[in-house]
């Protein structure tokens, strides 16, 4: 199992200034090849997946321009056949319609567990269990922001794409 932890600078606007996104990522890998080394395979694939997860959390919760842009960057992370469903499910995948009232999201902790599937010596799929907690400042005060998701991803020529998901946001997530 490989563990990666680091910070990235989310795009935010207005005071109070949001802190960096803290991401704890644990990964493992499976593959059918003889002599397959799961630890090495997970280590090789983890940096690219960490970038993908940071982009997802930033687009879904931390980038104030996403709602105005129709969530374009977020929806681009989904495979084309899934994008229509993802647009319909924005409430469970992101800030959704609440984004219009949010002034700032302060990220708390993000945790991800990833199982990479290898074939032919390269990652071809992954299961990602993602949990994100933060707080949102709105006109009336501050409230919790929560995401609990399981994503199935495929590696395409354009990079990782979400092909299936179960996701929930809000206090009950």
N, C-alpha and C. Protein backbone atom coordinates (compact mmCIF):
# COMPACT_ATOMS: atom_id res chain seq x y z
N UNK A 1 0.84 -1.17 0.00
CA UNK A 1 0.00 0.00 0.00
C UNK A 1 0.89 1.23 0.00
N UNK A 2 0.52 2.23 -0.77
CA UNK A 2 1.26 3.46 -0.87
C UNK A 2 0.43 4.57 -0.27
N UNK A 3 1.06 5.46 0.49
CA UNK A 3 0.37 6.60 1.07
C UNK A 3 1.03 7.87 0.59
N UNK A 4 0.21 8.83 0.18
CA UNK A 4 0.70 10.12 -0.27
C UNK A 4 -0.09 11.18 0.46
N UNK A 5 0.58 12.23 0.91
CA UNK A 5 -0.12 13.32 1.57
C UNK A 5 0.54 14.61 1.13
N UNK A 6 -0.29 15.62 0.81
CA UNK A 6 0.28 16.88 0.36
C UNK A 6 -0.77 17.95 0.32
N UNK A 7 -0.36 19.11 -0.13
CA UNK A 7 -1.28 20.23 -0.22
C UNK A 7 -1.27 20.78 -1.62
N UNK A 8 -2.35 21.41 -1.99
CA UNK A 8 -2.48 22.09 -3.27
C UNK A 8 -3.21 23.39 -3.03
N UNK A 9 -3.07 24.34 -3.86
CA UNK A 9 -3.72 25.62 -3.69
C UNK A 9 -5.02 25.66 -4.45
N UNK A 10 -6.17 25.62 -3.76
CA UNK A 10 -7.45 25.70 -4.45
C UNK A 10 -7.72 27.13 -4.90
N UNK A 11 -8.53 27.25 -5.93
CA UNK A 11 -8.94 28.57 -6.39
C UNK A 11 -10.11 29.02 -5.54
N UNK A 12 -9.97 30.11 -4.81
CA UNK A 12 -11.04 30.65 -3.97
C UNK A 12 -11.09 32.15 -4.16
N UNK A 13 -12.17 32.75 -3.71
CA UNK A 13 -12.26 34.20 -3.81
C UNK A 13 -12.82 34.77 -2.52
N UNK A 14 -12.42 35.99 -2.22
CA UNK A 14 -12.97 36.73 -1.10
C UNK A 14 -12.52 36.21 0.26
N UNK A 15 -12.55 37.09 1.24
CA UNK A 15 -12.20 36.67 2.58
C UNK A 15 -13.32 35.84 3.18
N UNK A 16 -13.09 35.02 4.18
CA UNK A 16 -11.77 34.69 4.68
C UNK A 16 -11.04 33.76 3.73
N UNK A 17 -9.74 33.85 3.75
CA UNK A 17 -8.91 33.07 2.84
C UNK A 17 -8.98 31.58 3.21
N UNK A 18 -9.28 30.76 2.24
CA UNK A 18 -9.32 29.32 2.46
C UNK A 18 -7.91 28.76 2.49
N UNK A 19 -7.71 27.75 3.31
CA UNK A 19 -6.41 27.09 3.38
C UNK A 19 -6.25 26.10 2.25
N UNK A 20 -5.08 25.50 2.16
CA UNK A 20 -4.83 24.52 1.11
C UNK A 20 -5.59 23.23 1.36
N UNK A 21 -5.86 22.51 0.31
CA UNK A 21 -6.52 21.22 0.39
C UNK A 21 -5.53 20.20 0.92
N UNK A 22 -5.90 19.53 1.99
CA UNK A 22 -5.09 18.45 2.56
C UNK A 22 -5.67 17.14 2.04
N UNK A 23 -4.86 16.37 1.33
CA UNK A 23 -5.31 15.11 0.76
C UNK A 23 -4.47 13.96 1.29
N UNK A 24 -5.14 12.99 1.87
CA UNK A 24 -4.49 11.75 2.31
C UNK A 24 -4.94 10.67 1.34
N UNK A 25 -4.00 10.09 0.62
CA UNK A 25 -4.33 9.10 -0.40
C UNK A 25 -3.61 7.80 -0.10
N UNK A 26 -4.40 6.73 -0.01
CA UNK A 26 -3.83 5.38 0.16
C UNK A 26 -4.15 4.61 -1.11
N UNK A 27 -3.16 3.89 -1.60
CA UNK A 27 -3.38 3.17 -2.85
C UNK A 27 -2.80 1.77 -2.81
N UNK A 28 -3.39 0.92 -3.63
CA UNK A 28 -2.93 -0.45 -3.82
C UNK A 28 -3.18 -0.79 -5.28
N UNK A 29 -2.63 -1.91 -5.72
CA UNK A 29 -2.81 -2.30 -7.13
C UNK A 29 -2.94 -3.81 -7.25
N UNK A 30 -3.66 -4.21 -8.30
CA UNK A 30 -3.80 -5.62 -8.64
C UNK A 30 -3.55 -5.76 -10.14
N UNK A 31 -2.93 -6.87 -10.50
CA UNK A 31 -2.69 -7.14 -11.91
C UNK A 31 -2.52 -8.62 -12.17
N UNK A 32 -2.83 -9.05 -13.39
CA UNK A 32 -2.79 -10.48 -13.71
C UNK A 32 -1.41 -10.99 -14.11
N UNK A 33 -0.47 -10.10 -14.34
CA UNK A 33 0.82 -10.53 -14.89
C UNK A 33 1.64 -11.31 -13.87
N UNK A 34 2.37 -12.25 -14.39
CA UNK A 34 3.32 -12.99 -13.55
C UNK A 34 4.43 -12.03 -13.13
N UNK A 35 4.79 -12.06 -11.87
CA UNK A 35 5.83 -11.17 -11.37
C UNK A 35 5.34 -9.76 -11.09
N UNK A 36 4.05 -9.56 -11.11
CA UNK A 36 3.47 -8.23 -10.86
C UNK A 36 3.82 -7.79 -9.43
N UNK A 37 4.31 -6.57 -9.31
CA UNK A 37 4.66 -6.01 -8.00
C UNK A 37 3.63 -4.94 -7.65
N UNK A 38 2.65 -5.26 -6.78
CA UNK A 38 1.58 -4.31 -6.49
C UNK A 38 2.06 -3.02 -5.83
N UNK A 39 3.07 -3.12 -4.99
CA UNK A 39 3.56 -1.92 -4.31
C UNK A 39 4.18 -0.94 -5.31
N UNK A 40 5.01 -1.44 -6.19
CA UNK A 40 5.64 -0.60 -7.21
C UNK A 40 4.59 -0.04 -8.16
N UNK A 41 3.63 -0.88 -8.55
CA UNK A 41 2.58 -0.43 -9.46
C UNK A 41 1.76 0.70 -8.84
N UNK A 42 1.39 0.55 -7.57
CA UNK A 42 0.62 1.60 -6.88
C UNK A 42 1.43 2.88 -6.78
N UNK A 43 2.72 2.77 -6.47
CA UNK A 43 3.57 3.95 -6.37
C UNK A 43 3.66 4.69 -7.70
N UNK A 44 3.74 3.95 -8.80
CA UNK A 44 3.83 4.58 -10.13
C UNK A 44 2.55 5.31 -10.50
N UNK A 45 1.40 4.75 -10.15
CA UNK A 45 0.12 5.31 -10.58
C UNK A 45 -0.41 6.39 -9.64
N UNK A 46 0.05 6.43 -8.40
CA UNK A 46 -0.51 7.34 -7.40
C UNK A 46 -0.38 8.82 -7.74
N UNK A 47 0.76 9.33 -8.21
CA UNK A 47 0.84 10.78 -8.47
C UNK A 47 -0.19 11.28 -9.48
N UNK A 48 -0.43 10.54 -10.53
CA UNK A 48 -1.41 10.93 -11.54
C UNK A 48 -2.82 10.92 -10.94
N UNK A 49 -3.12 9.92 -10.13
CA UNK A 49 -4.44 9.85 -9.50
C UNK A 49 -4.60 10.97 -8.47
N UNK A 50 -3.55 11.29 -7.77
CA UNK A 50 -3.62 12.39 -6.80
C UNK A 50 -3.98 13.70 -7.51
N UNK A 51 -3.38 13.94 -8.66
CA UNK A 51 -3.72 15.15 -9.45
C UNK A 51 -5.19 15.11 -9.88
N UNK A 52 -5.67 13.94 -10.29
CA UNK A 52 -7.06 13.81 -10.71
C UNK A 52 -8.01 14.12 -9.55
N UNK A 53 -7.74 13.57 -8.38
CA UNK A 53 -8.60 13.79 -7.22
C UNK A 53 -8.58 15.25 -6.80
N UNK A 54 -7.42 15.87 -6.81
CA UNK A 54 -7.33 17.31 -6.48
C UNK A 54 -8.15 18.14 -7.47
N UNK A 55 -8.06 17.80 -8.76
CA UNK A 55 -8.85 18.52 -9.77
C UNK A 55 -10.34 18.34 -9.51
N UNK A 56 -10.73 17.12 -9.14
CA UNK A 56 -12.14 16.86 -8.87
C UNK A 56 -12.64 17.70 -7.69
N UNK A 57 -11.96 17.63 -6.55
CA UNK A 57 -12.41 18.37 -5.37
C UNK A 57 -12.40 19.87 -5.63
N UNK A 58 -11.39 20.34 -6.34
CA UNK A 58 -11.33 21.76 -6.66
C UNK A 58 -12.50 22.17 -7.55
N UNK A 59 -12.77 21.42 -8.60
CA UNK A 59 -13.87 21.76 -9.50
C UNK A 59 -15.22 21.63 -8.82
N UNK A 60 -15.40 20.63 -7.97
CA UNK A 60 -16.70 20.37 -7.35
C UNK A 60 -17.01 21.30 -6.18
N UNK A 61 -15.95 21.77 -5.48
CA UNK A 61 -16.20 22.51 -4.24
C UNK A 61 -15.40 23.80 -4.06
N UNK A 62 -14.23 23.92 -4.64
CA UNK A 62 -13.35 25.02 -4.29
C UNK A 62 -13.22 26.11 -5.34
N UNK A 63 -13.59 25.84 -6.58
CA UNK A 63 -13.46 26.81 -7.66
C UNK A 63 -14.78 27.56 -7.84
N UNK A 64 -14.82 28.84 -7.44
CA UNK A 64 -16.08 29.59 -7.51
C UNK A 64 -16.56 29.83 -8.94
N UNK A 65 -15.72 29.63 -9.95
CA UNK A 65 -16.11 29.84 -11.33
C UNK A 65 -16.84 28.66 -11.96
N UNK A 66 -16.79 27.50 -11.34
CA UNK A 66 -17.40 26.31 -11.93
C UNK A 66 -18.90 26.43 -12.14
N UNK A 67 -19.68 26.87 -11.15
CA UNK A 67 -21.12 26.98 -11.40
C UNK A 67 -21.44 27.94 -12.54
N UNK A 68 -20.72 29.06 -12.59
CA UNK A 68 -20.96 30.05 -13.66
C UNK A 68 -20.60 29.47 -15.02
N UNK A 69 -19.65 28.56 -15.07
CA UNK A 69 -19.22 27.95 -16.32
C UNK A 69 -20.02 26.68 -16.63
N UNK A 70 -21.09 26.44 -15.89
CA UNK A 70 -21.90 25.25 -16.13
C UNK A 70 -21.21 23.97 -15.68
N UNK A 71 -20.30 24.08 -14.71
CA UNK A 71 -19.58 22.93 -14.17
C UNK A 71 -18.78 22.21 -15.26
N UNK A 72 -18.33 22.95 -16.27
CA UNK A 72 -17.64 22.38 -17.43
C UNK A 72 -16.43 21.52 -17.04
N UNK A 73 -15.55 22.05 -16.18
CA UNK A 73 -14.35 21.28 -15.81
C UNK A 73 -14.70 20.02 -15.04
N UNK A 74 -15.70 20.10 -14.18
CA UNK A 74 -16.12 18.93 -13.41
C UNK A 74 -16.71 17.87 -14.34
N UNK A 75 -17.63 18.26 -15.19
CA UNK A 75 -18.29 17.30 -16.07
C UNK A 75 -17.32 16.67 -17.08
N UNK A 76 -16.25 17.38 -17.43
CA UNK A 76 -15.25 16.83 -18.35
C UNK A 76 -14.49 15.66 -17.73
N UNK A 77 -14.58 15.49 -16.41
CA UNK A 77 -13.90 14.39 -15.75
C UNK A 77 -14.69 13.09 -15.86
N UNK A 78 -15.90 13.17 -16.38
CA UNK A 78 -16.76 12.01 -16.56
C UNK A 78 -16.68 11.55 -18.01
N UNK A 79 -16.73 10.24 -18.21
CA UNK A 79 -16.74 9.69 -19.56
C UNK A 79 -18.00 10.19 -20.28
N UNK A 80 -17.91 10.41 -21.57
CA UNK A 80 -19.00 11.01 -22.34
C UNK A 80 -20.36 10.35 -22.09
N UNK A 81 -20.49 9.03 -22.09
CA UNK A 81 -21.81 8.43 -21.85
C UNK A 81 -22.40 8.72 -20.46
N UNK A 82 -21.56 9.13 -19.51
CA UNK A 82 -21.99 9.35 -18.13
C UNK A 82 -22.25 10.84 -17.85
N UNK A 83 -21.83 11.73 -18.74
CA UNK A 83 -21.92 13.16 -18.47
C UNK A 83 -23.34 13.65 -18.25
N UNK A 84 -24.30 13.14 -19.00
CA UNK A 84 -25.70 13.58 -18.83
C UNK A 84 -26.19 13.22 -17.42
N UNK A 85 -25.90 12.01 -16.98
CA UNK A 85 -26.31 11.60 -15.63
C UNK A 85 -25.58 12.43 -14.57
N UNK A 86 -24.29 12.71 -14.79
CA UNK A 86 -23.53 13.52 -13.85
C UNK A 86 -24.11 14.93 -13.75
N UNK A 87 -24.53 15.51 -14.86
CA UNK A 87 -25.15 16.84 -14.84
C UNK A 87 -26.44 16.79 -14.01
N UNK A 88 -27.20 15.74 -14.19
CA UNK A 88 -28.45 15.58 -13.43
C UNK A 88 -28.15 15.40 -11.94
N UNK A 89 -27.03 14.79 -11.60
CA UNK A 89 -26.69 14.46 -10.22
C UNK A 89 -25.71 15.45 -9.58
N UNK A 90 -25.59 16.65 -10.11
CA UNK A 90 -24.64 17.63 -9.58
C UNK A 90 -24.83 17.87 -8.08
N UNK A 91 -26.06 17.77 -7.59
CA UNK A 91 -26.31 17.98 -6.15
C UNK A 91 -25.57 16.96 -5.29
N UNK A 92 -25.37 15.75 -5.80
CA UNK A 92 -24.69 14.72 -5.02
C UNK A 92 -23.20 14.61 -5.37
N UNK A 93 -22.76 15.36 -6.36
CA UNK A 93 -21.36 15.31 -6.80
C UNK A 93 -20.56 16.57 -6.47
N UNK A 94 -21.27 17.66 -6.08
CA UNK A 94 -20.62 18.96 -5.93
C UNK A 94 -21.46 19.85 -5.01
N UNK A 95 -21.12 21.13 -4.98
CA UNK A 95 -21.95 22.10 -4.26
C UNK A 95 -23.32 22.25 -4.91
N UNK A 96 -23.41 21.95 -6.20
CA UNK A 96 -24.67 22.03 -6.91
C UNK A 96 -25.29 23.41 -6.85
N UNK A 97 -26.60 23.47 -6.67
CA UNK A 97 -27.30 24.76 -6.68
C UNK A 97 -26.95 25.62 -5.47
N UNK A 98 -26.46 25.00 -4.39
CA UNK A 98 -26.06 25.78 -3.21
C UNK A 98 -24.88 26.68 -3.51
N UNK A 99 -24.13 26.40 -4.57
CA UNK A 99 -22.95 27.20 -4.91
C UNK A 99 -23.27 28.67 -5.09
N UNK A 100 -24.49 28.98 -5.52
CA UNK A 100 -24.88 30.37 -5.74
C UNK A 100 -24.85 31.17 -4.45
N UNK A 101 -25.07 30.54 -3.32
CA UNK A 101 -25.08 31.24 -2.03
C UNK A 101 -23.73 31.20 -1.32
N UNK A 102 -22.82 30.36 -1.78
CA UNK A 102 -21.54 30.16 -1.08
C UNK A 102 -20.55 31.26 -1.46
N UNK A 103 -19.98 31.87 -0.42
CA UNK A 103 -18.94 32.88 -0.63
C UNK A 103 -17.56 32.23 -0.70
N UNK A 104 -17.29 31.32 0.23
CA UNK A 104 -16.00 30.65 0.32
C UNK A 104 -16.19 29.25 0.88
N UNK A 105 -15.43 28.31 0.36
CA UNK A 105 -15.36 26.98 0.96
C UNK A 105 -13.96 26.82 1.53
N UNK A 106 -13.92 26.48 2.80
CA UNK A 106 -12.64 26.19 3.45
C UNK A 106 -12.50 24.68 3.52
N UNK A 107 -11.53 24.13 2.78
CA UNK A 107 -11.37 22.69 2.78
C UNK A 107 -10.87 22.20 4.13
N UNK A 108 -11.42 21.10 4.55
CA UNK A 108 -10.90 20.39 5.72
C UNK A 108 -10.01 19.29 5.19
N UNK A 109 -10.38 18.08 5.52
CA UNK A 109 -9.57 16.94 5.11
C UNK A 109 -10.24 16.20 3.96
N UNK A 110 -9.43 15.75 3.04
CA UNK A 110 -9.89 14.86 1.97
C UNK A 110 -9.11 13.55 2.12
N UNK A 111 -9.86 12.46 2.07
CA UNK A 111 -9.24 11.14 2.17
C UNK A 111 -9.68 10.31 0.97
N UNK A 112 -8.73 9.58 0.39
CA UNK A 112 -9.06 8.73 -0.75
C UNK A 112 -8.34 7.40 -0.61
N UNK A 113 -9.07 6.35 -0.95
CA UNK A 113 -8.49 5.01 -1.03
C UNK A 113 -8.68 4.55 -2.47
N UNK A 114 -7.59 4.14 -3.10
CA UNK A 114 -7.62 3.79 -4.52
C UNK A 114 -7.10 2.38 -4.72
N UNK A 115 -7.83 1.61 -5.52
CA UNK A 115 -7.36 0.29 -5.96
C UNK A 115 -7.18 0.38 -7.47
N UNK A 116 -5.93 0.32 -7.92
CA UNK A 116 -5.63 0.36 -9.35
C UNK A 116 -5.72 -1.05 -9.93
N UNK A 117 -6.26 -1.15 -11.11
CA UNK A 117 -6.28 -2.41 -11.85
C UNK A 117 -5.31 -2.28 -13.02
N UNK A 118 -4.37 -3.19 -13.10
CA UNK A 118 -3.34 -3.16 -14.13
C UNK A 118 -3.58 -4.25 -15.16
N UNK A 119 -3.21 -3.94 -16.38
CA UNK A 119 -3.19 -4.93 -17.45
C UNK A 119 -2.10 -4.49 -18.42
N UNK A 120 -1.31 -5.42 -18.87
CA UNK A 120 -0.24 -5.09 -19.80
C UNK A 120 0.78 -4.12 -19.23
N UNK A 121 0.98 -4.15 -17.92
CA UNK A 121 1.99 -3.31 -17.30
C UNK A 121 1.58 -1.86 -17.08
N UNK A 122 0.29 -1.54 -17.26
CA UNK A 122 -0.13 -0.15 -17.03
C UNK A 122 -1.50 -0.13 -16.36
N UNK A 123 -1.80 0.96 -15.64
CA UNK A 123 -3.12 1.04 -14.99
C UNK A 123 -4.20 1.26 -16.05
N UNK A 124 -5.25 0.46 -15.98
CA UNK A 124 -6.35 0.59 -16.94
C UNK A 124 -7.66 0.96 -16.26
N UNK A 125 -7.72 0.78 -14.96
CA UNK A 125 -8.94 1.10 -14.22
C UNK A 125 -8.61 1.36 -12.77
N UNK A 126 -9.58 1.92 -12.05
CA UNK A 126 -9.38 2.19 -10.63
C UNK A 126 -10.73 2.36 -9.95
N UNK A 127 -10.76 1.96 -8.70
CA UNK A 127 -11.89 2.25 -7.83
C UNK A 127 -11.38 3.26 -6.81
N UNK A 128 -12.10 4.37 -6.66
CA UNK A 128 -11.71 5.44 -5.74
C UNK A 128 -12.83 5.65 -4.73
N UNK A 129 -12.49 5.52 -3.46
CA UNK A 129 -13.41 5.88 -2.38
C UNK A 129 -12.91 7.22 -1.85
N UNK A 130 -13.75 8.26 -2.01
CA UNK A 130 -13.34 9.63 -1.68
C UNK A 130 -14.24 10.20 -0.60
N UNK A 131 -13.63 10.81 0.41
CA UNK A 131 -14.35 11.53 1.45
C UNK A 131 -13.74 12.92 1.54
N UNK A 132 -14.59 13.93 1.52
CA UNK A 132 -14.14 15.33 1.62
C UNK A 132 -15.01 16.02 2.66
N UNK A 133 -14.36 16.76 3.55
CA UNK A 133 -15.05 17.57 4.56
C UNK A 133 -14.49 18.98 4.52
N UNK A 134 -15.37 19.94 4.65
CA UNK A 134 -14.97 21.33 4.69
C UNK A 134 -16.09 22.15 5.31
N UNK A 135 -15.97 23.45 5.17
CA UNK A 135 -17.03 24.34 5.64
C UNK A 135 -17.24 25.43 4.60
N UNK A 136 -18.49 25.86 4.50
CA UNK A 136 -18.86 26.88 3.51
C UNK A 136 -19.38 28.10 4.23
N UNK A 137 -18.91 29.27 3.80
CA UNK A 137 -19.41 30.54 4.32
C UNK A 137 -20.50 31.04 3.39
N UNK A 138 -21.67 31.30 3.96
CA UNK A 138 -22.79 31.87 3.23
C UNK A 138 -23.22 33.12 3.98
N UNK A 139 -24.15 33.87 3.43
CA UNK A 139 -24.63 35.10 4.04
C UNK A 139 -25.09 34.88 5.48
N UNK A 140 -25.75 33.76 5.74
CA UNK A 140 -26.31 33.49 7.07
C UNK A 140 -25.31 32.92 8.07
N UNK A 141 -24.12 32.54 7.63
CA UNK A 141 -23.13 31.98 8.54
C UNK A 141 -22.27 30.93 7.85
N UNK A 142 -21.89 29.93 8.62
CA UNK A 142 -21.00 28.87 8.14
C UNK A 142 -21.66 27.52 8.37
N UNK A 143 -21.51 26.62 7.39
CA UNK A 143 -22.07 25.28 7.53
C UNK A 143 -21.12 24.25 6.96
N UNK A 144 -21.39 22.97 7.26
CA UNK A 144 -20.51 21.90 6.80
C UNK A 144 -20.69 21.59 5.32
N UNK A 145 -19.62 21.15 4.71
CA UNK A 145 -19.62 20.64 3.33
C UNK A 145 -19.05 19.23 3.43
N UNK A 146 -19.81 18.26 2.92
CA UNK A 146 -19.36 16.86 2.98
C UNK A 146 -19.63 16.16 1.66
N UNK A 147 -18.71 15.28 1.31
CA UNK A 147 -18.85 14.43 0.13
C UNK A 147 -18.39 13.04 0.51
N UNK A 148 -19.18 12.05 0.13
CA UNK A 148 -18.79 10.65 0.24
C UNK A 148 -19.10 10.01 -1.09
N UNK A 149 -18.07 9.53 -1.78
CA UNK A 149 -18.26 9.00 -3.14
C UNK A 149 -17.44 7.75 -3.36
N UNK A 150 -17.94 6.92 -4.26
CA UNK A 150 -17.17 5.80 -4.81
C UNK A 150 -17.23 5.97 -6.32
N UNK A 151 -16.08 6.07 -6.94
CA UNK A 151 -15.97 6.26 -8.38
C UNK A 151 -15.30 5.05 -9.01
N UNK A 152 -15.80 4.64 -10.16
CA UNK A 152 -15.12 3.66 -11.00
C UNK A 152 -14.52 4.46 -12.16
N UNK A 153 -13.23 4.33 -12.37
CA UNK A 153 -12.55 5.09 -13.41
C UNK A 153 -11.89 4.17 -14.42
N UNK A 154 -11.83 4.64 -15.65
CA UNK A 154 -11.07 3.98 -16.70
C UNK A 154 -10.00 4.94 -17.19
N UNK A 155 -8.88 4.38 -17.54
CA UNK A 155 -7.78 5.18 -18.11
C UNK A 155 -8.02 5.25 -19.61
N UNK A 156 -8.19 6.47 -20.14
CA UNK A 156 -8.42 6.67 -21.56
C UNK A 156 -7.24 7.44 -22.15
N UNK A 157 -7.29 7.68 -23.43
CA UNK A 157 -6.24 8.48 -24.08
C UNK A 157 -6.21 9.89 -23.51
N UNK A 158 -7.34 10.36 -22.97
CA UNK A 158 -7.43 11.71 -22.39
C UNK A 158 -7.12 11.70 -20.89
N UNK A 159 -6.77 10.56 -20.34
CA UNK A 159 -6.48 10.46 -18.90
C UNK A 159 -7.60 9.71 -18.19
N UNK A 160 -7.64 9.83 -16.88
CA UNK A 160 -8.66 9.16 -16.08
C UNK A 160 -10.02 9.77 -16.35
N UNK A 161 -11.05 8.91 -16.48
CA UNK A 161 -12.43 9.35 -16.66
C UNK A 161 -13.33 8.53 -15.75
N UNK A 162 -14.27 9.19 -15.10
CA UNK A 162 -15.25 8.52 -14.24
C UNK A 162 -16.29 7.87 -15.14
N UNK A 163 -16.49 6.57 -14.98
CA UNK A 163 -17.45 5.84 -15.80
C UNK A 163 -18.66 5.37 -15.00
N UNK A 164 -18.55 5.40 -13.68
CA UNK A 164 -19.65 5.01 -12.81
C UNK A 164 -19.40 5.64 -11.45
N UNK A 165 -20.48 5.92 -10.72
CA UNK A 165 -20.31 6.56 -9.42
C UNK A 165 -21.51 6.32 -8.51
N UNK A 166 -21.24 6.40 -7.22
CA UNK A 166 -22.24 6.52 -6.17
C UNK A 166 -21.73 7.67 -5.33
N UNK A 167 -22.57 8.68 -5.11
CA UNK A 167 -22.08 9.87 -4.44
C UNK A 167 -23.18 10.51 -3.61
N UNK A 168 -22.76 11.12 -2.51
CA UNK A 168 -23.70 11.79 -1.62
C UNK A 168 -23.00 13.00 -1.02
N UNK A 169 -23.72 14.11 -0.91
CA UNK A 169 -23.21 15.30 -0.26
C UNK A 169 -24.16 15.69 0.86
N UNK A 170 -23.74 16.67 1.65
CA UNK A 170 -24.60 17.19 2.71
C UNK A 170 -24.33 16.55 4.05
N UNK A 171 -25.10 16.98 5.05
CA UNK A 171 -24.86 16.54 6.43
C UNK A 171 -25.03 15.04 6.60
N UNK A 172 -25.89 14.42 5.81
CA UNK A 172 -26.12 12.98 5.95
C UNK A 172 -25.09 12.14 5.20
N UNK A 173 -24.19 12.79 4.48
CA UNK A 173 -23.19 12.04 3.69
C UNK A 173 -22.17 11.37 4.58
